Amino acid sequence: MAQSRWNMSAADCSELFRKYDILEFISECYDSLHLNSYACVVDDIELLRFTQSRIYDALFDFDTEIWKEGPDYLVSLYDQCASGK
């Protein structure tokens, strides 16, 4: 599911899971995760990736005033950052 949602190869997806220690996260949270759908796990991974991004840091930098912008602008910045543009 993660591969198709993020349009990533199996190798890239595996590297991402290794980088953020997702398998340990799944192991620790299995009791609550198995009651929810796999999509919830993918949502949690996306939140983790966001909180470790430069855009998340900039959101709390009051000089940039990104916090004043709407969610669409924030998503756009995050997508640009994630794509390396």
Protein backbone atom coordinates (compact mmCIF):
# COMPACT_ATOMS: atom_id res chain seq x y z
CA MET A 1 0.00 0.00 0.00
CA ALA A 2 2.81 2.45 0.84
CA GLN A 3 4.45 1.80 -2.54
CA SER A 4 1.33 2.66 -4.51
CA ARG A 5 0.31 5.59 -2.30
CA TRP A 6 3.75 7.24 -2.56
CA ASN A 7 4.55 5.91 -6.05
CA MET A 8 7.83 4.40 -4.82
CA SER A 9 9.73 1.29 -5.76
CA ALA A 10 9.94 -1.58 -3.27
CA ALA A 11 13.61 -0.77 -2.62
CA ASP A 12 12.87 2.92 -1.96
CA CYS A 13 9.97 2.03 0.30
CA SER A 14 12.14 -0.44 2.20
CA GLU A 15 14.84 2.22 2.66
CA LEU A 16 12.24 4.67 3.98
CA PHE A 17 10.99 2.07 6.45
CA ARG A 18 14.58 1.47 7.58
CA LYS A 19 15.34 5.20 7.87
CA TYR A 20 12.37 5.89 10.15
CA ASP A 21 12.45 2.49 11.93
CA ILE A 22 8.87 1.83 10.88
CA LEU A 23 8.99 -1.90 11.57
CA GLU A 24 9.85 -1.18 15.23
CA PHE A 25 6.98 1.34 15.33
CA ILE A 26 4.59 -1.28 13.97
CA SER A 27 5.89 -3.83 16.47
CA GLU A 28 5.46 -1.48 19.44
CA CYS A 29 2.01 -0.30 18.39
CA TYR A 30 0.67 -3.54 16.95
CA ASP A 31 -2.24 -3.89 19.37
CA SER A 32 -3.76 -0.57 18.34
CA LEU A 33 -2.62 -0.72 14.71
CA HIS A 34 -4.21 -4.09 13.93
CA LEU A 35 -7.56 -2.67 14.99
CA ASN A 36 -7.19 0.12 12.43
CA SER A 37 -6.57 -0.11 8.74
CA TYR A 38 -3.15 -0.22 7.12
CA ALA A 39 -3.92 3.28 5.83
CA CYS A 40 -3.60 4.56 9.41
CA VAL A 41 -0.03 3.26 9.55
CA VAL A 42 0.78 5.01 6.28
CA ASP A 43 -0.78 8.23 7.64
CA ASP A 44 1.42 7.96 10.73
CA ILE A 45 4.51 7.49 8.55
CA GLU A 46 3.60 10.56 6.53
CA LEU A 47 3.19 12.58 9.73
CA LEU A 48 6.57 11.35 10.95
CA ARG A 49 8.20 12.34 7.65
CA PHE A 50 6.60 15.79 7.87
CA THR A 51 7.73 16.40 11.45
CA GLN A 52 11.31 15.64 10.44
CA SER A 53 11.27 17.98 7.43
CA ARG A 54 12.66 21.48 6.94
CA ILE A 55 9.11 22.73 6.34
CA TYR A 56 8.05 21.58 9.80
CA ASP A 57 10.99 23.50 11.31
CA ALA A 58 10.08 26.58 9.25
CA LEU A 59 6.50 26.36 10.46
CA PHE A 60 7.71 27.16 13.97
CA ASP A 61 10.07 29.92 12.82
CA PHE A 62 8.04 33.07 13.40
CA ASP A 63 10.30 35.08 11.09
CA THR A 64 9.12 33.14 8.03
CA GLU A 65 5.46 33.62 8.95
CA ILE A 66 4.59 30.32 7.28
CA TRP A 67 2.30 29.64 10.23
CA LYS A 68 0.03 32.41 8.87
CA GLU A 69 -0.55 30.60 5.58
CA GLY A 70 -3.23 28.03 4.93
CA PRO A 71 -2.79 24.26 4.80
CA ASP A 72 -2.69 24.15 0.99
CA TYR A 73 0.36 26.43 0.97
CA LEU A 74 2.06 24.29 3.60
CA VAL A 75 1.39 21.10 1.63
CA SER A 76 2.75 22.77 -1.51
CA LEU A 77 5.96 23.76 0.28
CA TYR A 78 6.33 20.28 1.70
CA ASP A 79 5.84 18.68 -1.72
CA GLN A 80 8.46 20.99 -3.24
CA CYS A 81 10.90 20.18 -0.46
CA ALA A 82 10.26 16.44 -0.72
CA SER A 83 10.74 16.47 -4.49
CA GLY A 84 14.03 18.35 -4.18
CA LYS A 85 12.93 21.37 -6.20
